[in-house]
C-alpha atoms as a PDB file:
ATOM      1  CA  MET A   1     -84.050  51.029  73.917  1.00  0.00           C
ATOM      2  CA  LYS A   2     -86.369  48.462  72.327  1.00  0.00           C
ATOM      3  CA  ILE A   3     -86.011  48.893  68.549  1.00  0.00           C
ATOM      4  CA  LEU A   4     -88.062  47.209  65.809  1.00  0.00           C
ATOM      5  CA  VAL A   5     -86.514  47.162  62.286  1.00  0.00           C
ATOM      6  CA  LEU A   6     -88.970  46.552  59.463  1.00  0.00           C
ATOM      7  CA  GLY A   7     -87.362  44.630  56.625  1.00  0.00           C
ATOM      8  CA  ALA A   8     -84.300  42.422  56.681  1.00  0.00           C
ATOM      9  CA  GLY A   9     -82.786  43.556  53.432  1.00  0.00           C
ATOM     10  CA  LYS A  10     -79.404  45.065  52.985  1.00  0.00           C
ATOM     11  CA  MET A  11     -79.953  48.298  54.923  1.00  0.00           C
ATOM     12  CA  GLY A  12     -82.283  46.597  57.487  1.00  0.00           C
ATOM     13  CA  SER A  13     -79.645  44.066  58.231  1.00  0.00           C
ATOM     14  CA  PHE A  14     -77.036  46.884  58.577  1.00  0.00           C
ATOM     15  CA  PHE A  15     -79.121  48.671  61.221  1.00  0.00           C
ATOM     16  CA  ILE A  16     -79.741  45.430  62.995  1.00  0.00           C
ATOM     17  CA  ASP A  17     -75.982  44.659  63.214  1.00  0.00           C
ATOM     18  CA  LEU A  18     -75.242  48.211  64.128  1.00  0.00           C
ATOM     19  CA  LEU A  19     -77.812  48.540  66.999  1.00  0.00           C
ATOM     20  CA  SER A  20     -78.129  44.973  68.437  1.00  0.00           C
ATOM     21  CA  PHE A  21     -75.169  45.270  70.803  1.00  0.00           C
ATOM     22  CA  ASP A  22     -76.472  48.379  72.534  1.00  0.00           C
ATOM     23  CA  HIS A  23     -80.304  47.963  72.234  1.00  0.00           C
ATOM     24  CA  GLU A  24     -82.908  45.251  72.494  1.00  0.00           C
ATOM     25  CA  VAL A  25     -83.546  44.800  68.696  1.00  0.00           C
ATOM     26  CA  ALA A  26     -86.214  42.929  66.730  1.00  0.00           C
ATOM     27  CA  VAL A  27     -86.797  42.500  62.999  1.00  0.00           C
ATOM     28  CA  TYR A  28     -90.171  42.077  61.306  1.00  0.00           C
ATOM     29  CA  GLU A  29     -89.841  40.371  57.944  1.00  0.00           C
ATOM     30  CA  ARG A  30     -92.692  38.399  56.204  1.00  0.00           C
ATOM     31  CA  ASP A  31     -90.081  36.272  54.267  1.00  0.00           C
ATOM     32  CA  PRO A  32     -88.214  34.108  56.953  1.00  0.00           C
ATOM     33  CA  ARG A  33     -85.484  33.272  54.365  1.00  0.00           C
ATOM     34  CA  ARG A  34     -84.230  36.927  54.478  1.00  0.00           C
ATOM     35  CA  MET A  35     -83.607  36.582  58.282  1.00  0.00           C
ATOM     36  CA  ARG A  36     -81.149  33.751  57.884  1.00  0.00           C
ATOM     37  CA  PHE A  37     -78.099  35.827  58.478  1.00  0.00           C
ATOM     38  CA  THR A  38     -79.418  38.102  61.209  1.00  0.00           C
ATOM     39  CA  TYR A  39     -78.247  37.516  64.742  1.00  0.00           C
ATOM     40  CA  ASN A  40     -78.500  38.930  68.243  1.00  0.00           C
ATOM     41  CA  CYS A  41     -82.038  40.074  67.606  1.00  0.00           C
ATOM     42  CA  GLN A  42     -85.622  38.750  67.930  1.00  0.00           C
ATOM     43  CA  ARG A  43     -87.221  37.621  64.561  1.00  0.00           C
ATOM     44  CA  PHE A  44     -90.827  38.173  63.774  1.00  0.00           C
ATOM     45  CA  THR A  45     -92.940  37.005  60.830  1.00  0.00           C
ATOM     46  CA  ASP A  46     -96.293  38.047  62.305  1.00  0.00           C
ATOM     47  CA  LEU A  47     -97.615  41.360  63.689  1.00  0.00           C
ATOM     48  CA  ALA A  48     -98.851  39.883  66.930  1.00  0.00           C
ATOM     49  CA  SER A  49     -95.232  39.357  67.912  1.00  0.00           C
ATOM     50  CA  VAL A  50     -94.738  43.091  67.213  1.00  0.00           C
ATOM     51  CA  SER A  51     -97.447  43.937  69.623  1.00  0.00           C
ATOM     52  CA  ASP A  52     -95.928  41.798  72.383  1.00  0.00           C
ATOM     53  CA  PHE A  53     -92.433  43.297  71.873  1.00  0.00           C
ATOM     54  CA  LYS A  54     -93.722  46.833  72.535  1.00  0.00           C
ATOM     55  CA  PRO A  55     -90.927  48.750  70.588  1.00  0.00           C
ATOM     56  CA  GLU A  56     -89.974  52.344  71.492  1.00  0.00           C
ATOM     57  CA  LEU A  57     -88.533  53.070  68.134  1.00  0.00           C
ATOM     58  CA  VAL A  58     -89.428  51.682  64.701  1.00  0.00           C
ATOM     59  CA  ILE A  59     -87.021  51.946  61.800  1.00  0.00           C
ATOM     60  CA  ASN A  60     -88.669  51.220  58.398  1.00  0.00           C
ATOM     61  CA  ALA A  61     -86.043  49.836  56.071  1.00  0.00           C
ATOM     62  CA  VAL A  62     -88.231  48.115  53.529  1.00  0.00           C
ATOM     63  CA  THR A  63     -88.237  48.812  49.795  1.00  0.00           C
ATOM     64  CA  LEU A  64     -89.377  52.408  48.931  1.00  0.00           C
ATOM     65  CA  LYS A  65     -92.532  51.174  47.224  1.00  0.00           C
ATOM     66  CA  TYR A  66     -93.662  49.584  50.418  1.00  0.00           C
ATOM     67  CA  THR A  67     -92.548  52.126  53.036  1.00  0.00           C
ATOM     68  CA  ILE A  68     -96.010  53.578  53.644  1.00  0.00           C
ATOM     69  CA  PRO A  69     -98.015  50.455  53.232  1.00  0.00           C
ATOM     70  CA  VAL A  70     -95.893  48.572  55.752  1.00  0.00           C
ATOM     71  CA  PHE A  71     -96.245  51.587  58.222  1.00  0.00           C
ATOM     72  CA  GLN A  72    -100.001  51.326  57.748  1.00  0.00           C
ATOM     73  CA  GLN A  73     -99.911  47.508  58.618  1.00  0.00           C
ATOM     74  CA  VAL A  74     -97.773  47.947  61.601  1.00  0.00           C
ATOM     75  CA  LEU A  75     -99.198  51.083  63.268  1.00  0.00           C
ATOM     76  CA  PRO A  76    -102.057  49.381  65.002  1.00  0.00           C
ATOM     77  CA  TYR A  77     -99.619  47.057  66.799  1.00  0.00           C
ATOM     78  CA  LEU A  78     -97.270  49.771  68.204  1.00  0.00           C
ATOM     79  CA  PRO A  79     -97.638  51.563  71.538  1.00  0.00           C
ATOM     80  CA  ASP A  80     -99.017  55.069  71.356  1.00  0.00           C
ATOM     81  CA  ASP A  81     -95.588  56.746  72.371  1.00  0.00           C
ATOM     82  CA  CYS A  82     -93.589  54.659  69.915  1.00  0.00           C
ATOM     83  CA  ILE A  83     -91.444  56.844  67.499  1.00  0.00           C
ATOM     84  CA  ILE A  84     -91.686  55.777  63.892  1.00  0.00           C
ATOM     85  CA  SER A  85     -89.003  56.539  61.472  1.00  0.00           C
ATOM     86  CA  ASP A  86     -87.816  55.920  57.817  1.00  0.00           C
ATOM     87  CA  ILE A  87     -84.553  55.893  55.974  1.00  0.00           C
ATOM     88  CA  ALA A  88     -86.115  56.355  52.509  1.00  0.00           C
ATOM     89  CA  SER A  89     -84.192  57.848  49.591  1.00  0.00           C
ATOM     90  CA  VAL A  90     -87.162  59.807  48.377  1.00  0.00           C
ATOM     91  CA  LYS A  91     -89.550  61.464  50.939  1.00  0.00           C
ATOM     92  CA  THR A  92     -92.534  61.849  48.570  1.00  0.00           C
ATOM     93  CA  ASP A  93     -95.770  61.634  50.520  1.00  0.00           C
ATOM     94  CA  LEU A  94     -93.990  60.820  53.763  1.00  0.00           C
ATOM     95  CA  GLN A  95     -94.366  64.196  55.366  1.00  0.00           C
ATOM     96  CA  GLN A  96     -98.143  64.005  54.810  1.00  0.00           C
ATOM     97  CA  PHE A  97     -98.350  60.445  56.087  1.00  0.00           C
ATOM     98  CA  TYR A  98     -96.510  61.254  59.243  1.00  0.00           C
ATOM     99  CA  GLU A  99     -98.635  64.335  59.890  1.00  0.00           C
ATOM    100  CA  GLN A 100    -101.845  62.464  59.349  1.00  0.00           C
ATOM    101  CA  SER A 101    -100.735  59.498  61.505  1.00  0.00           C
ATOM    102  CA  GLY A 102    -100.617  61.646  64.669  1.00  0.00           C
ATOM    103  CA  ARG A 103     -97.436  59.729  65.654  1.00  0.00           C
ATOM    104  CA  ARG A 104     -94.066  60.891  66.853  1.00  0.00           C
ATOM    105  CA  TYR A 105     -91.759  60.442  63.903  1.00  0.00           C
ATOM    106  CA  VAL A 106     -88.286  61.104  62.620  1.00  0.00           C
ATOM    107  CA  SER A 107     -87.046  60.840  58.941  1.00  0.00           C
ATOM    108  CA  THR A 108     -83.458  60.420  57.883  1.00  0.00           C
ATOM    109  CA  HIS A 109     -81.560  59.484  54.797  1.00  0.00           C
ATOM    110  CA  PRO A 110     -78.177  57.727  55.009  1.00  0.00           C
ATOM    111  CA  MET A 111     -76.680  58.941  51.736  1.00  0.00           C
ATOM    112  CA  PHE A 112     -74.853  55.616  51.092  1.00  0.00           C
ATOM    113  CA  GLY A 113     -75.715  51.996  50.362  1.00  0.00           C
ATOM    114  CA  PRO A 114     -74.163  48.547  50.401  1.00  0.00           C
ATOM    115  CA  THR A 115     -73.743  48.683  46.558  1.00  0.00           C
ATOM    116  CA  PHE A 116     -70.891  51.184  46.599  1.00  0.00           C
ATOM    117  CA  ALA A 117     -70.127  52.209  50.183  1.00  0.00           C
ATOM    118  CA  ASN A 118     -67.675  50.539  52.580  1.00  0.00           C
ATOM    119  CA  LEU A 119     -69.971  50.015  55.546  1.00  0.00           C
ATOM    120  CA  GLN A 120     -66.869  49.581  57.756  1.00  0.00           C
ATOM    121  CA  GLN A 121     -65.508  52.953  56.795  1.00  0.00           C
ATOM    122  CA  LEU A 122     -68.077  55.615  56.450  1.00  0.00           C
ATOM    123  CA  SER A 123     -66.061  58.860  57.300  1.00  0.00           C
ATOM    124  CA  GLU A 124     -66.451  60.073  53.793  1.00  0.00           C
ATOM    125  CA  GLU A 125     -70.193  59.345  53.541  1.00  0.00           C
ATOM    126  CA  ASN A 126     -73.140  61.607  54.425  1.00  0.00           C
ATOM    127  CA  ALA A 127     -76.552  61.472  56.124  1.00  0.00           C
ATOM    128  CA  ILE A 128     -79.495  63.766  56.116  1.00  0.00           C
ATOM    129  CA  ILE A 129     -81.695  64.268  59.153  1.00  0.00           C
ATOM    130  CA  ILE A 130     -85.111  65.899  58.309  1.00  0.00           C
ATOM    131  CA  SER A 131     -85.641  68.965  60.444  1.00  0.00           C
ATOM    132  CA  GLU A 132     -89.343  68.251  60.909  1.00  0.00           C
ATOM    133  CA  GLY A 133     -90.291  65.574  63.419  1.00  0.00           C
ATOM    134  CA  ASP A 134     -89.686  64.504  66.991  1.00  0.00           C
ATOM    135  CA  TYR A 135     -86.778  66.148  68.795  1.00  0.00           C
ATOM    136  CA  MET A 136     -85.683  63.060  70.733  1.00  0.00           C
ATOM    137  CA  GLY A 137     -85.916  60.933  67.580  1.00  0.00           C
ATOM    138  CA  ARG A 138     -83.537  63.336  65.694  1.00  0.00           C
ATOM    139  CA  ILE A 139     -81.189  63.291  68.719  1.00  0.00           C
ATOM    140  CA  PHE A 140     -81.018  59.515  68.559  1.00  0.00           C
ATOM    141  CA  PHE A 141     -80.104  59.389  64.846  1.00  0.00           C
ATOM    142  CA  LYS A 142     -77.633  62.182  65.194  1.00  0.00           C
ATOM    143  CA  ASP A 143     -75.749  60.503  67.920  1.00  0.00           C
ATOM    144  CA  LEU A 144     -75.888  57.132  66.007  1.00  0.00           C
ATOM    145  CA  TYR A 145     -74.564  58.756  62.615  1.00  0.00           C
ATOM    146  CA  GLN A 146     -71.890  60.668  64.581  1.00  0.00           C
ATOM    147  CA  ARG A 147     -70.642  57.445  66.018  1.00  0.00           C
ATOM    148  CA  LEU A 148     -70.308  56.038  62.515  1.00  0.00           C
ATOM    149  CA  GLY A 149     -68.254  59.165  61.494  1.00  0.00           C
ATOM    150  CA  LEU A 150     -70.821  60.303  59.027  1.00  0.00           C
ATOM    151  CA  ASN A 151     -71.110  63.970  57.863  1.00  0.00           C
ATOM    152  CA  ILE A 152     -74.601  65.046  59.014  1.00  0.00           C
ATOM    153  CA  TYR A 153     -76.779  67.656  57.386  1.00  0.00           C
ATOM    154  CA  GLU A 154     -80.188  68.855  58.485  1.00  0.00           C
ATOM    155  CA  TYR A 155     -82.713  69.641  55.793  1.00  0.00           C
ATOM    156  CA  SER A 156     -86.525  70.083  55.545  1.00  0.00           C
ATOM    157  CA  PHE A 157     -88.438  67.438  53.606  1.00  0.00           C
ATOM    158  CA  ASP A 158     -88.467  69.866  50.556  1.00  0.00           C
ATOM    159  CA  GLU A 159     -84.830  70.681  50.910  1.00  0.00           C
ATOM    160  CA  HIS A 160     -84.079  66.932  51.074  1.00  0.00           C
ATOM    161  CA  ASP A 161     -85.971  66.147  47.820  1.00  0.00           C
ATOM    162  CA  ARG A 162     -84.313  69.005  45.991  1.00  0.00           C
ATOM    163  CA  THR A 163     -80.896  67.741  47.209  1.00  0.00           C
ATOM    164  CA  VAL A 164     -81.728  64.210  45.949  1.00  0.00           C
ATOM    165  CA  ALA A 165     -82.803  65.483  42.613  1.00  0.00           C
ATOM    166  CA  TYR A 166     -79.411  66.896  42.146  1.00  0.00           C
ATOM    167  CA  SER A 167     -77.180  64.362  43.840  1.00  0.00           C
ATOM    168  CA  LEU A 168     -78.907  61.082  42.535  1.00  0.00           C
ATOM    169  CA  SER A 169     -80.767  62.017  39.387  1.00  0.00           C
ATOM    170  CA  ILE A 170     -77.652  63.449  37.467  1.00  0.00           C
ATOM    171  CA  PRO A 171     -75.385  60.465  38.089  1.00  0.00           C
ATOM    172  CA  PHE A 172     -78.258  58.079  37.566  1.00  0.00           C
ATOM    173  CA  VAL A 173     -79.237  59.634  34.221  1.00  0.00           C
ATOM    174  CA  SER A 174     -75.622  59.862  33.039  1.00  0.00           C
ATOM    175  CA  THR A 175     -75.220  56.108  33.946  1.00  0.00           C
ATOM    176  CA  PHE A 176     -78.440  55.321  31.971  1.00  0.00           C
ATOM    177  CA  VAL A 177     -77.093  57.070  28.906  1.00  0.00           C
ATOM    178  CA  PHE A 178     -73.784  55.168  29.087  1.00  0.00           C
ATOM    179  CA  ALA A 179     -75.618  51.785  29.530  1.00  0.00           C
ATOM    180  CA  ALA A 180     -77.899  52.695  26.672  1.00  0.00           C
ATOM    181  CA  VAL A 181     -75.119  53.355  24.101  1.00  0.00           C
ATOM    182  CA  MET A 182     -72.360  51.028  25.334  1.00  0.00           C
ATOM    183  CA  LYS A 183     -71.223  47.978  23.293  1.00  0.00           C
ATOM    184  CA  HIS A 184     -69.295  44.919  24.451  1.00  0.00           C
ATOM    185  CA  GLN A 185     -65.543  45.570  24.522  1.00  0.00           C
ATOM    186  CA  ASP A 186     -63.057  42.682  24.341  1.00  0.00           C
ATOM    187  CA  ALA A 187     -60.258  44.776  25.734  1.00  0.00           C
ATOM    188  CA  PRO A 188     -62.014  47.637  27.617  1.00  0.00           C
ATOM    189  CA  GLY A 189     -59.968  50.496  28.980  1.00  0.00           C
ATOM    190  CA  THR A 190     -59.831  51.449  32.627  1.00  0.00           C
ATOM    191  CA  THR A 191     -62.318  54.225  32.338  1.00  0.00           C
ATOM    192  CA  PHE A 192     -64.794  52.031  30.480  1.00  0.00           C
ATOM    193  CA  LYS A 193     -64.427  49.340  33.224  1.00  0.00           C
ATOM    194  CA  ARG A 194     -65.079  51.821  35.967  1.00  0.00           C
ATOM    195  CA  HIS A 195     -68.176  53.214  34.329  1.00  0.00           C
ATOM    196  CA  MET A 196     -69.378  49.641  33.758  1.00  0.00           C
ATOM    197  CA  ARG A 197     -69.006  48.813  37.495  1.00  0.00           C
ATOM    198  CA  ILE A 198     -71.026  51.898  38.295  1.00  0.00           C
ATOM    199  CA  ALA A 199     -73.728  50.997  35.730  1.00  0.00           C
ATOM    200  CA  LYS A 200     -74.047  47.513  37.171  1.00  0.00           C
ATOM    201  CA  GLY A 201     -74.361  48.873  40.683  1.00  0.00           C
ATOM    202  CA  VAL A 202     -76.961  51.402  39.808  1.00  0.00           C
ATOM    203  CA  LEU A 203     -79.019  49.074  37.628  1.00  0.00           C
ATOM    204  CA  ASN A 204     -78.960  46.618  40.628  1.00  0.00           C
ATOM    205  CA  GLU A 205     -81.051  49.086  42.636  1.00  0.00           C
ATOM    206  CA  ASP A 206     -84.799  48.531  42.945  1.00  0.00           C
ATOM    207  CA  ASP A 207     -86.768  49.686  39.895  1.00  0.00           C
ATOM    208  CA  TYR A 208     -89.215  51.542  41.991  1.00  0.00           C
ATOM    209  CA  LEU A 209     -86.489  53.554  43.696  1.00  0.00           C
ATOM    210  CA  LEU A 210     -85.001  54.511  40.353  1.00  0.00           C
ATOM    211  CA  GLN A 211     -88.407  55.509  39.171  1.00  0.00           C
ATOM    212  CA  GLU A 212     -89.288  57.614  42.206  1.00  0.00           C
ATOM    213  CA  ILE A 213     -85.980  59.444  42.072  1.00  0.00           C
ATOM    214  CA  LEU A 214     -86.416  60.347  38.356  1.00  0.00           C
ATOM    215  CA  PHE A 215     -90.103  61.209  39.011  1.00  0.00           C
ATOM    216  CA  ASN A 216     -89.159  63.610  41.815  1.00  0.00           C
ATOM    217  CA  PRO A 217     -90.703  66.996  40.844  1.00  0.00           C
ATOM    218  CA  TYR A 218     -87.279  68.611  41.024  1.00  0.00           C
ATOM    219  CA  THR A 219     -85.523  66.063  38.670  1.00  0.00           C
ATOM    220  CA  HIS A 220     -86.697  67.525  35.356  1.00  0.00           C
ATOM    221  CA  ASP A 221     -84.670  70.749  35.639  1.00  0.00           C
ATOM    222  CA  GLN A 222     -81.529  68.801  36.562  1.00  0.00           C
ATOM    223  CA  VAL A 223     -81.808  66.392  33.665  1.00  0.00           C
ATOM    224  CA  SER A 224     -82.559  69.380  31.293  1.00  0.00           C
ATOM    225  CA  GLN A 225     -79.086  70.718  32.292  1.00  0.00           C
ATOM    226  CA  ILE A 226     -77.509  67.466  31.010  1.00  0.00           C
ATOM    227  CA  ARG A 227     -79.335  67.987  27.699  1.00  0.00           C
ATOM    228  CA  THR A 228     -78.193  71.537  27.418  1.00  0.00           C
ATOM    229  CA  GLU A 229     -74.459  70.590  28.073  1.00  0.00           C
ATOM    230  CA  LEU A 230     -74.611  67.687  25.676  1.00  0.00           C
ATOM    231  CA  LYS A 231     -75.914  70.017  22.902  1.00  0.00           C
ATOM    232  CA  GLU A 232     -73.105  72.417  23.445  1.00  0.00           C
ATOM    233  CA  LEU A 233     -70.507  69.657  23.458  1.00  0.00           C
ATOM    234  CA  LEU A 234     -72.017  68.179  20.333  1.00  0.00           C
ATOM    235  CA  GLU A 235     -71.750  71.417  18.499  1.00  0.00           C
ATOM    236  CA  ILE A 236     -68.140  71.817  19.454  1.00  0.00           C
ATOM    237  CA  ILE A 237     -67.432  68.236  18.212  1.00  0.00           C
ATOM    238  CA  ASP A 238     -69.378  68.841  14.884  1.00  0.00           C
ATOM    239  CA  ARG A 239     -67.275  72.059  14.274  1.00  0.00           C
ATOM    240  CA  LYS A 240     -64.006  70.304  15.345  1.00  0.00           C
ATOM    241  CA  ASP A 241     -63.609  73.572  17.347  1.00  0.00           C
ATOM    242  CA  ALA A 242     -60.282  73.248  19.210  1.00  0.00           C
ATOM    243  CA  GLU A 243     -60.557  76.601  20.980  1.00  0.00           C
ATOM    244  CA  GLY A 244     -64.215  75.775  21.944  1.00  0.00           C
ATOM    245  CA  MET A 245     -63.170  72.330  23.288  1.00  0.00           C
ATOM    246  CA  LYS A 246     -60.307  74.020  25.266  1.00  0.00           C
ATOM    247  CA  GLY A 247     -62.709  76.453  26.773  1.00  0.00           C
ATOM    248  CA  TYR A 248     -65.264  73.716  27.594  1.00  0.00           C
ATOM    249  CA  LEU A 249     -62.660  71.681  29.374  1.00  0.00           C
ATOM    250  CA  THR A 250     -61.482  74.691  31.312  1.00  0.00           C
ATOM    251  CA  LYS A 251     -65.082  75.338  32.317  1.00  0.00           C
ATOM    252  CA  ILE A 252     -65.638  71.881  33.682  1.00  0.00           C
ATOM    253  CA  ARG A 253     -62.346  71.536  35.364  1.00  0.00           C
ATOM    254  CA  ASP A 254     -62.995  74.866  37.246  1.00  0.00           C
ATOM    255  CA  ASN A 255     -66.439  73.433  38.242  1.00  0.00           C
ATOM    256  CA  VAL A 256     -64.748  70.278  39.660  1.00  0.00           C
ATOM    257  CA  ARG A 257     -62.010  72.317  41.410  1.00  0.00           C
ATOM    258  CA  ARG A 258     -64.558  74.509  43.076  1.00  0.00           C
ATOM    259  CA  ASP A 259     -66.325  71.499  44.424  1.00  0.00           C
ATOM    260  CA  ILE A 260     -63.156  70.042  45.858  1.00  0.00           C
ATOM    261  CA  GLU A 261     -62.178  73.391  47.452  1.00  0.00           C
ATOM    262  CA  ILE A 262     -65.683  73.678  48.989  1.00  0.00           C
ATOM    263  CA  ARG A 263     -65.298  70.182  50.530  1.00  0.00           C
ATOM    264  CA  LYS A 264     -61.981  71.054  52.044  1.00  0.00           C
END
């Protein structure tokens, strides 16, 4: 298959490396310096080359802020039967864009990234395939993600954004709070150092991505739960309520244990 990857960033380069040995792959990237470490693929910096390549599948891997604008730029240069796809973490406005484009499309979300995941060992990572869209496009990504050993889930656009509001906004906001109140430690403990590594990784993400995750319409209710739990915990601390603390720790341990049992 002739596959065009849009963007030679971390995830774009990952897909180029992954696909280039089994498919004819090209990458479109306006900044030629970002393609220095790509190999076994054609490299394009102009849209006329895209037209000559005639891709059968396009994987849009640019920064979230530019996902739809780059689609709009490249669409006139694609064959009519070319399937367009994205791997965006937030699907806001994408369903409407796809439906208005009149194109065959598929939307997926690899629930991992180069910041924390070991891209050579992904058996504990997940991927979401959006149930709307082209059947053959979904089959392609299902086969690809299965070969990587990923756990695959199929959600609608709406179900995806609800899931992201929970699985990303809660850890992101918790990390923001840690980073906001932390102070330099000359001799930090193990837990502090682990939280610090997480904070550095999260804050290394694109600002627009963080913004869109937090502005997800389903995020507010999730963040409100954090506020409710902090209020309860602060009241226990203020009262120095040993029994209350014991009950609170039992509650959260049970919550973690249930999650572990479900995953088994």
